[in-house]
Amino acid sequence: MARHKDEDFKDYMISSRKKVGSGLTNAPVWLMQKAGKRIWNTKQKRTWKNIDMKMGFFAAKKKQKANTRKSGDHKKHSKHVSAKVE
């Protein structure tokens, strides 16, 4: 494509590329890069946040939060015991 692209046309092509799922297409390389898609070696340098593992992690974290609760005011439960009045 030409070096000086029309800005509206460029935005349209980028948005249309984002609508297309991952896979081999005849889209230009610059368009794939602009859309943030990996072109070659798509599985390289993936972190756990970029794959399905993150969903399981967040579900477990949410479940753990539901099971735990904060204890009350720690000042009330100090080790100091007041003397009994007889």
PDB file of N, CA and C in Angstrom:
ATOM      1  N   MET A   1       0.833  -1.170   0.000  1.00  0.00           N
ATOM      2  CA  MET A   1       0.000   0.000   0.000  1.00  0.00           C
ATOM      3  C   MET A   1       0.883   1.241   0.000  1.00  0.00           C
ATOM      4  N   ALA A   2       0.338   2.344  -0.398  1.00  0.00           N
ATOM      5  CA  ALA A   2       1.109   3.576  -0.511  1.00  0.00           C
ATOM      6  C   ALA A   2       1.599   4.031   0.855  1.00  0.00           C
ATOM      7  N   ARG A   3       2.644   4.796   0.838  1.00  0.00           N
ATOM      8  CA  ARG A   3       3.209   5.293   2.087  1.00  0.00           C
ATOM      9  C   ARG A   3       2.263   6.298   2.742  1.00  0.00           C
ATOM     10  N   HIS A   4       1.661   7.174   1.966  1.00  0.00           N
ATOM     11  CA  HIS A   4       0.742   8.179   2.494  1.00  0.00           C
ATOM     12  C   HIS A   4      -0.688   7.677   2.326  1.00  0.00           C
ATOM     13  N   LYS A   5      -1.169   7.006   3.326  1.00  0.00           N
ATOM     14  CA  LYS A   5      -2.510   6.428   3.257  1.00  0.00           C
ATOM     15  C   LYS A   5      -3.531   7.453   3.734  1.00  0.00           C
ATOM     16  N   ASP A   6      -4.723   7.346   3.216  1.00  0.00           N
ATOM     17  CA  ASP A   6      -5.811   8.185   3.701  1.00  0.00           C
ATOM     18  C   ASP A   6      -6.129   7.747   5.131  1.00  0.00           C
ATOM     19  N   GLU A   7      -6.218   8.670   6.063  1.00  0.00           N
ATOM     20  CA  GLU A   7      -6.378   8.337   7.488  1.00  0.00           C
ATOM     21  C   GLU A   7      -7.684   7.597   7.765  1.00  0.00           C
ATOM     22  N   ASP A   8      -8.770   8.033   7.133  1.00  0.00           N
ATOM     23  CA  ASP A   8     -10.058   7.358   7.353  1.00  0.00           C
ATOM     24  C   ASP A   8     -10.029   5.935   6.816  1.00  0.00           C
ATOM     25  N   PHE A   9      -9.424   5.777   5.633  1.00  0.00           N
ATOM     26  CA  PHE A   9      -9.337   4.441   5.043  1.00  0.00           C
ATOM     27  C   PHE A   9      -8.469   3.531   5.906  1.00  0.00           C
ATOM     28  N   LYS A  10      -7.400   4.085   6.439  1.00  0.00           N
ATOM     29  CA  LYS A  10      -6.499   3.324   7.300  1.00  0.00           C
ATOM     30  C   LYS A  10      -7.229   2.867   8.566  1.00  0.00           C
ATOM     31  N   ASP A  11      -7.978   3.773   9.187  1.00  0.00           N
ATOM     32  CA  ASP A  11      -8.739   3.417  10.386  1.00  0.00           C
ATOM     33  C   ASP A  11      -9.783   2.354  10.085  1.00  0.00           C
ATOM     34  N   TYR A  12     -10.413   2.476   8.919  1.00  0.00           N
ATOM     35  CA  TYR A  12     -11.418   1.483   8.524  1.00  0.00           C
ATOM     36  C   TYR A  12     -10.780   0.111   8.365  1.00  0.00           C
ATOM     37  N   MET A  13      -9.633   0.067   7.714  1.00  0.00           N
ATOM     38  CA  MET A  13      -8.967  -1.221   7.499  1.00  0.00           C
ATOM     39  C   MET A  13      -8.528  -1.839   8.821  1.00  0.00           C
ATOM     40  N   ILE A  14      -8.049  -1.013   9.736  1.00  0.00           N
ATOM     41  CA  ILE A  14      -7.616  -1.527  11.038  1.00  0.00           C
ATOM     42  C   ILE A  14      -8.807  -2.071  11.815  1.00  0.00           C
ATOM     43  N   SER A  15      -9.912  -1.340  11.803  1.00  0.00           N
ATOM     44  CA  SER A  15     -11.088  -1.811  12.536  1.00  0.00           C
ATOM     45  C   SER A  15     -11.671  -3.062  11.901  1.00  0.00           C
ATOM     46  N   SER A  16     -11.639  -3.147  10.578  1.00  0.00           N
ATOM     47  CA  SER A  16     -12.159  -4.350   9.924  1.00  0.00           C
ATOM     48  C   SER A  16     -11.254  -5.536  10.191  1.00  0.00           C
ATOM     49  N   ARG A  17      -9.954  -5.303  10.332  1.00  0.00           N
ATOM     50  CA  ARG A  17      -9.024  -6.395  10.637  1.00  0.00           C
ATOM     51  C   ARG A  17      -9.247  -6.902  12.055  1.00  0.00           C
ATOM     52  N   LYS A  18      -9.589  -6.004  12.978  1.00  0.00           N
ATOM     53  CA  LYS A  18      -9.834  -6.433  14.351  1.00  0.00           C
ATOM     54  C   LYS A  18     -11.085  -7.288  14.444  1.00  0.00           C
ATOM     55  N   LYS A  19     -12.041  -7.068  13.543  1.00  0.00           N
ATOM     56  CA  LYS A  19     -13.267  -7.866  13.551  1.00  0.00           C
ATOM     57  C   LYS A  19     -13.013  -9.288  13.084  1.00  0.00           C
ATOM     58  N   VAL A  20     -12.044  -9.458  12.187  1.00  0.00           N
ATOM     59  CA  VAL A  20     -11.708 -10.786  11.688  1.00  0.00           C
ATOM     60  C   VAL A  20     -10.951 -11.521  12.774  1.00  0.00           C
ATOM     61  N   GLY A  21     -11.288 -12.777  12.990  1.00  0.00           N
ATOM     62  CA  GLY A  21     -10.619 -13.551  14.024  1.00  0.00           C
ATOM     63  C   GLY A  21      -9.191 -13.867  13.661  1.00  0.00           C
ATOM     64  N   SER A  22      -8.502 -14.531  14.558  1.00  0.00           N
ATOM     65  CA  SER A  22      -7.115 -14.875  14.294  1.00  0.00           C
ATOM     66  C   SER A  22      -7.056 -15.959  13.228  1.00  0.00           C
ATOM     67  N   GLY A  23      -6.006 -15.979  12.513  1.00  0.00           N
ATOM     68  CA  GLY A  23      -5.829 -16.959  11.453  1.00  0.00           C
ATOM     69  C   GLY A  23      -5.167 -16.305  10.267  1.00  0.00           C
ATOM     70  N   LEU A  24      -4.893 -17.103   9.259  1.00  0.00           N
ATOM     71  CA  LEU A  24      -4.229 -16.575   8.081  1.00  0.00           C
ATOM     72  C   LEU A  24      -5.220 -15.813   7.222  1.00  0.00           C
ATOM     73  N   THR A  25      -4.897 -14.596   6.917  1.00  0.00           N
ATOM     74  CA  THR A  25      -5.717 -13.786   6.020  1.00  0.00           C
ATOM     75  C   THR A  25      -4.796 -13.124   5.016  1.00  0.00           C
ATOM     76  N   ASN A  26      -5.387 -12.456   4.068  1.00  0.00           N
ATOM     77  CA  ASN A  26      -4.579 -11.747   3.085  1.00  0.00           C
ATOM     78  C   ASN A  26      -4.393 -10.286   3.478  1.00  0.00           C
ATOM     79  N   ALA A  27      -4.510  -9.991   4.753  1.00  0.00           N
ATOM     80  CA  ALA A  27      -4.321  -8.625   5.232  1.00  0.00           C
ATOM     81  C   ALA A  27      -2.843  -8.260   5.164  1.00  0.00           C
ATOM     82  N   PRO A  28      -2.538  -7.005   4.877  1.00  0.00           N
ATOM     83  CA  PRO A  28      -1.128  -6.596   4.842  1.00  0.00           C
ATOM     84  C   PRO A  28      -0.472  -6.702   6.220  1.00  0.00           C
ATOM     85  N   VAL A  29       0.834  -6.822   6.218  1.00  0.00           N
ATOM     86  CA  VAL A  29       1.585  -7.015   7.458  1.00  0.00           C
ATOM     87  C   VAL A  29       1.421  -5.824   8.390  1.00  0.00           C
ATOM     88  N   TRP A  30       1.486  -4.602   7.857  1.00  0.00           N
ATOM     89  CA  TRP A  30       1.371  -3.421   8.715  1.00  0.00           C
ATOM     90  C   TRP A  30       0.027  -3.380   9.409  1.00  0.00           C
ATOM     91  N   LEU A  31      -0.992  -3.899   8.723  1.00  0.00           N
ATOM     92  CA  LEU A  31      -2.335  -3.893   9.292  1.00  0.00           C
ATOM     93  C   LEU A  31      -2.435  -4.880  10.452  1.00  0.00           C
ATOM     94  N   MET A  32      -1.811  -6.032  10.277  1.00  0.00           N
ATOM     95  CA  MET A  32      -1.801  -7.027  11.351  1.00  0.00           C
ATOM     96  C   MET A  32      -1.054  -6.480  12.569  1.00  0.00           C
ATOM     97  N   GLN A  33       0.056  -5.799  12.330  1.00  0.00           N
ATOM     98  CA  GLN A  33       0.834  -5.248  13.432  1.00  0.00           C
ATOM     99  C   GLN A  33       0.072  -4.131  14.133  1.00  0.00           C
ATOM    100  N   LYS A  34      -0.618  -3.308  13.369  1.00  0.00           N
ATOM    101  CA  LYS A  34      -1.374  -2.202  13.937  1.00  0.00           C
ATOM    102  C   LYS A  34      -2.531  -2.726  14.786  1.00  0.00           C
ATOM    103  N   ALA A  35      -3.105  -3.852  14.374  1.00  0.00           N
ATOM    104  CA  ALA A  35      -4.213  -4.437  15.121  1.00  0.00           C
ATOM    105  C   ALA A  35      -3.734  -5.167  16.371  1.00  0.00           C
ATOM    106  N   GLY A  36      -2.422  -5.262  16.531  1.00  0.00           N
ATOM    107  CA  GLY A  36      -1.882  -5.925  17.714  1.00  0.00           C
ATOM    108  C   GLY A  36      -1.898  -7.431  17.609  1.00  0.00           C
ATOM    109  N   LYS A  37      -1.964  -7.957  16.395  1.00  0.00           N
ATOM    110  CA  LYS A  37      -1.995  -9.402  16.189  1.00  0.00           C
ATOM    111  C   LYS A  37      -0.583  -9.905  15.911  1.00  0.00           C
ATOM    112  N   ARG A  38      -0.303 -11.101  16.367  1.00  0.00           N
ATOM    113  CA  ARG A  38       0.979 -11.721  16.089  1.00  0.00           C
ATOM    114  C   ARG A  38       0.889 -12.407  14.733  1.00  0.00           C
ATOM    115  N   ILE A  39       1.896 -12.202  13.902  1.00  0.00           N
ATOM    116  CA  ILE A  39       1.848 -12.759  12.551  1.00  0.00           C
ATOM    117  C   ILE A  39       2.594 -14.082  12.490  1.00  0.00           C
ATOM    118  N   TRP A  40       3.844 -14.071  12.930  1.00  0.00           N
ATOM    119  CA  TRP A  40       4.651 -15.268  12.869  1.00  0.00           C
ATOM    120  C   TRP A  40       4.828 -15.827  14.270  1.00  0.00           C
ATOM    121  N   ASN A  41       4.858 -17.119  14.372  1.00  0.00           N
ATOM    122  CA  ASN A  41       5.118 -17.807  15.636  1.00  0.00           C
ATOM    123  C   ASN A  41       4.163 -17.297  16.724  1.00  0.00           C
ATOM    124  N   THR A  42       2.897 -17.561  16.521  1.00  0.00           N
ATOM    125  CA  THR A  42       1.854 -16.959  17.354  1.00  0.00           C
ATOM    126  C   THR A  42       1.883 -17.407  18.810  1.00  0.00           C
ATOM    127  N   LYS A  43       2.542 -18.521  19.122  1.00  0.00           N
ATOM    128  CA  LYS A  43       2.530 -19.016  20.500  1.00  0.00           C
ATOM    129  C   LYS A  43       3.767 -18.600  21.287  1.00  0.00           C
ATOM    130  N   GLN A  44       4.603 -17.777  20.711  1.00  0.00           N
ATOM    131  CA  GLN A  44       5.841 -17.387  21.375  1.00  0.00           C
ATOM    132  C   GLN A  44       5.595 -16.304  22.416  1.00  0.00           C
ATOM    133  N   LYS A  45       6.336 -16.390  23.507  1.00  0.00           N
ATOM    134  CA  LYS A  45       6.335 -15.373  24.564  1.00  0.00           C
ATOM    135  C   LYS A  45       4.941 -15.071  25.093  1.00  0.00           C
ATOM    136  N   ARG A  46       4.170 -16.092  25.346  1.00  0.00           N
ATOM    137  CA  ARG A  46       2.861 -15.871  25.958  1.00  0.00           C
ATOM    138  C   ARG A  46       3.015 -15.905  27.462  1.00  0.00           C
ATOM    139  N   THR A  47       2.352 -15.010  28.153  1.00  0.00           N
ATOM    140  CA  THR A  47       2.352 -15.044  29.602  1.00  0.00           C
ATOM    141  C   THR A  47       1.049 -15.671  30.060  1.00  0.00           C
ATOM    142  N   TRP A  48       0.962 -15.994  31.329  1.00  0.00           N
ATOM    143  CA  TRP A  48      -0.251 -16.643  31.836  1.00  0.00           C
ATOM    144  C   TRP A  48      -1.446 -15.720  31.736  1.00  0.00           C
ATOM    145  N   LYS A  49      -1.210 -14.398  31.685  1.00  0.00           N
ATOM    146  CA  LYS A  49      -2.322 -13.458  31.587  1.00  0.00           C
ATOM    147  C   LYS A  49      -2.938 -13.445  30.198  1.00  0.00           C
ATOM    148  N   ASN A  50      -2.182 -13.868  29.199  1.00  0.00           N
ATOM    149  CA  ASN A  50      -2.669 -13.822  27.828  1.00  0.00           C
ATOM    150  C   ASN A  50      -3.334 -15.115  27.385  1.00  0.00           C
ATOM    151  N   ILE A  51      -3.424 -16.101  28.230  1.00  0.00           N
ATOM    152  CA  ILE A  51      -4.037 -17.362  27.828  1.00  0.00           C
ATOM    153  C   ILE A  51      -5.196 -17.677  28.763  1.00  0.00           C
ATOM    154  N   ASP A  52      -5.843 -18.802  28.533  1.00  0.00           N
ATOM    155  CA  ASP A  52      -7.039 -19.144  29.293  1.00  0.00           C
ATOM    156  C   ASP A  52      -6.758 -19.421  30.766  1.00  0.00           C
ATOM    157  N   MET A  53      -5.507 -19.578  31.126  1.00  0.00           N
ATOM    158  CA  MET A  53      -5.163 -19.861  32.509  1.00  0.00           C
ATOM    159  C   MET A  53      -5.576 -18.722  33.438  1.00  0.00           C
ATOM    160  N   LYS A  54      -5.603 -17.498  32.913  1.00  0.00           N
ATOM    161  CA  LYS A  54      -5.934 -16.357  33.770  1.00  0.00           C
ATOM    162  C   LYS A  54      -7.365 -16.428  34.269  1.00  0.00           C
ATOM    163  N   MET A  55      -8.274 -16.978  33.457  1.00  0.00           N
ATOM    164  CA  MET A  55      -9.668 -17.046  33.870  1.00  0.00           C
ATOM    165  C   MET A  55      -9.824 -17.976  35.072  1.00  0.00           C
ATOM    166  N   GLY A  56      -9.128 -19.099  35.047  1.00  0.00           N
ATOM    167  CA  GLY A  56      -9.153 -20.004  36.189  1.00  0.00           C
ATOM    168  C   GLY A  56      -8.543 -19.378  37.424  1.00  0.00           C
ATOM    169  N   PHE A  57      -7.486 -18.607  37.227  1.00  0.00           N
ATOM    170  CA  PHE A  57      -6.827 -17.928  38.337  1.00  0.00           C
ATOM    171  C   PHE A  57      -7.771 -16.934  38.992  1.00  0.00           C
ATOM    172  N   PHE A  58      -8.440 -16.115  38.185  1.00  0.00           N
ATOM    173  CA  PHE A  58      -9.330 -15.107  38.743  1.00  0.00           C
ATOM    174  C   PHE A  58     -10.565 -15.734  39.381  1.00  0.00           C
ATOM    175  N   ALA A  59     -11.042 -16.850  38.837  1.00  0.00           N
ATOM    176  CA  ALA A  59     -12.183 -17.536  39.439  1.00  0.00           C
ATOM    177  C   ALA A  59     -11.805 -18.090  40.810  1.00  0.00           C
ATOM    178  N   ALA A  60     -10.606 -18.680  40.905  1.00  0.00           N
ATOM    179  CA  ALA A  60     -10.150 -19.217  42.186  1.00  0.00           C
ATOM    180  C   ALA A  60      -9.935 -18.099  43.199  1.00  0.00           C
ATOM    181  N   LYS A  61      -9.418 -16.974  42.734  1.00  0.00           N
ATOM    182  CA  LYS A  61      -9.190 -15.837  43.620  1.00  0.00           C
ATOM    183  C   LYS A  61     -10.511 -15.294  44.154  1.00  0.00           C
ATOM    184  N   LYS A  62     -11.513 -15.233  43.274  1.00  0.00           N
ATOM    185  CA  LYS A  62     -12.824 -14.738  43.676  1.00  0.00           C
ATOM    186  C   LYS A  62     -13.472 -15.690  44.682  1.00  0.00           C
ATOM    187  N   LYS A  63     -13.307 -16.991  44.446  1.00  0.00           N
ATOM    188  CA  LYS A  63     -13.877 -17.991  45.344  1.00  0.00           C
ATOM    189  C   LYS A  63     -13.208 -17.922  46.715  1.00  0.00           C
ATOM    190  N   GLN A  64     -11.903 -17.721  46.716  1.00  0.00           N
ATOM    191  CA  GLN A  64     -11.171 -17.633  47.977  1.00  0.00           C
ATOM    192  C   GLN A  64     -11.588 -16.389  48.761  1.00  0.00           C
ATOM    193  N   LYS A  65     -11.828 -15.286  48.052  1.00  0.00           N
ATOM    194  CA  LYS A  65     -12.269 -14.065  48.723  1.00  0.00           C
ATOM    195  C   LYS A  65     -13.625 -14.256  49.366  1.00  0.00           C
ATOM    196  N   ALA A  66     -14.501 -15.024  48.719  1.00  0.00           N
ATOM    197  CA  ALA A  66     -15.839 -15.249  49.253  1.00  0.00           C
ATOM    198  C   ALA A  66     -15.787 -16.094  50.520  1.00  0.00           C
ATOM    199  N   ASN A  67     -14.823 -16.995  50.613  1.00  0.00           N
ATOM    200  CA  ASN A  67     -14.734 -17.888  51.766  1.00  0.00           C
ATOM    201  C   ASN A  67     -14.054 -17.243  52.966  1.00  0.00           C
ATOM    202  N   THR A  68     -13.249 -16.231  52.743  1.00  0.00           N
ATOM    203  CA  THR A  68     -12.561 -15.590  53.859  1.00  0.00           C
ATOM    204  C   THR A  68     -13.309 -14.328  54.260  1.00  0.00           C
ATOM    205  N   ARG A  69     -13.190 -13.981  55.518  1.00  0.00           N
ATOM    206  CA  ARG A  69     -13.803 -12.735  55.978  1.00  0.00           C
ATOM    207  C   ARG A  69     -12.843 -12.067  56.937  1.00  0.00           C
ATOM    208  N   LYS A  70     -12.957 -10.801  57.013  1.00  0.00           N
ATOM    209  CA  LYS A  70     -12.081 -10.061  57.911  1.00  0.00           C
ATOM    210  C   LYS A  70     -12.548 -10.259  59.339  1.00  0.00           C
ATOM    211  N   SER A  71     -11.590 -10.360  60.238  1.00  0.00           N
ATOM    212  CA  SER A  71     -11.959 -10.442  61.643  1.00  0.00           C
ATOM    213  C   SER A  71     -12.302  -9.040  62.124  1.00  0.00           C
ATOM    214  N   GLY A  72     -12.855  -8.955  63.293  1.00  0.00           N
ATOM    215  CA  GLY A  72     -13.312  -7.671  63.820  1.00  0.00           C
ATOM    216  C   GLY A  72     -12.186  -6.752  64.232  1.00  0.00           C
ATOM    217  N   ASP A  73     -12.495  -5.828  65.072  1.00  0.00           N
ATOM    218  CA  ASP A  73     -11.525  -4.852  65.537  1.00  0.00           C
ATOM    219  C   ASP A  73     -10.481  -5.563  66.396  1.00  0.00           C
ATOM    220  N   HIS A  74      -9.229  -5.432  66.020  1.00  0.00           N
ATOM    221  CA  HIS A  74      -8.176  -6.137  66.746  1.00  0.00           C
ATOM    222  C   HIS A  74      -7.899  -5.517  68.107  1.00  0.00           C
ATOM    223  N   LYS A  75      -8.294  -4.300  68.324  1.00  0.00           N
ATOM    224  CA  LYS A  75      -8.062  -3.658  69.619  1.00  0.00           C
ATOM    225  C   LYS A  75      -8.913  -4.299  70.711  1.00  0.00           C
ATOM    226  N   LYS A  76     -10.073  -4.788  70.345  1.00  0.00           N
ATOM    227  CA  LYS A  76     -10.962  -5.403  71.328  1.00  0.00           C
ATOM    228  C   LYS A  76     -10.451  -6.775  71.756  1.00  0.00           C
ATOM    229  N   HIS A  77      -9.672  -7.404  70.902  1.00  0.00           N
ATOM    230  CA  HIS A  77      -9.248  -8.774  71.168  1.00  0.00           C
ATOM    231  C   HIS A  77      -7.769  -8.833  71.520  1.00  0.00           C
ATOM    232  N   SER A  78      -7.337  -7.928  72.336  1.00  0.00           N
ATOM    233  CA  SER A  78      -5.923  -7.925  72.706  1.00  0.00           C
ATOM    234  C   SER A  78      -5.661  -9.028  73.734  1.00  0.00           C
ATOM    235  N   LYS A  79      -4.402  -9.322  73.956  1.00  0.00           N
ATOM    236  CA  LYS A  79      -4.036 -10.370  74.905  1.00  0.00           C
ATOM    237  C   LYS A  79      -4.202  -9.908  76.348  1.00  0.00           C
ATOM    238  N   HIS A  80      -4.284  -8.617  76.542  1.00  0.00           N
ATOM    239  CA  HIS A  80      -4.426  -8.069  77.890  1.00  0.00           C
ATOM    240  C   HIS A  80      -5.837  -8.360  78.418  1.00  0.00           C
ATOM    241  N   VAL A  81      -5.899  -8.986  79.581  1.00  0.00           N
ATOM    242  CA  VAL A  81      -7.193  -9.306  80.187  1.00  0.00           C
ATOM    243  C   VAL A  81      -7.357  -8.426  81.418  1.00  0.00           C
ATOM    244  N   SER A  82      -8.492  -7.801  81.523  1.00  0.00           N
ATOM    245  CA  SER A  82      -8.720  -6.926  82.681  1.00  0.00           C
ATOM    246  C   SER A  82      -8.958  -7.773  83.929  1.00  0.00           C
ATOM    247  N   ALA A  83      -8.632  -7.199  85.088  1.00  0.00           N
ATOM    248  CA  ALA A  83      -8.786  -7.913  86.358  1.00  0.00           C
ATOM    249  C   ALA A  83     -10.263  -8.060  86.695  1.00  0.00           C
ATOM    250  N   LYS A  84     -10.606  -9.212  87.278  1.00  0.00           N
ATOM    251  CA  LYS A  84     -12.005  -9.450  87.649  1.00  0.00           C
ATOM    252  C   LYS A  84     -12.348  -8.669  88.913  1.00  0.00           C
ATOM    253  N   VAL A  85     -13.528  -8.151  88.962  1.00  0.00           N
ATOM    254  CA  VAL A  85     -13.996  -7.421  90.143  1.00  0.00           C
ATOM    255  C   VAL A  85     -14.833  -8.381  90.965  1.00  0.00           C
ATOM    256  N   GLU A  86     -14.489  -8.540  92.287  1.00  0.00           N
ATOM    257  CA  GLU A  86     -15.243  -9.467  93.132  1.00  0.00           C
ATOM    258  C   GLU A  86     -16.131  -8.750  94.090  1.00  0.00           C
TER     259      GLU A  86
END
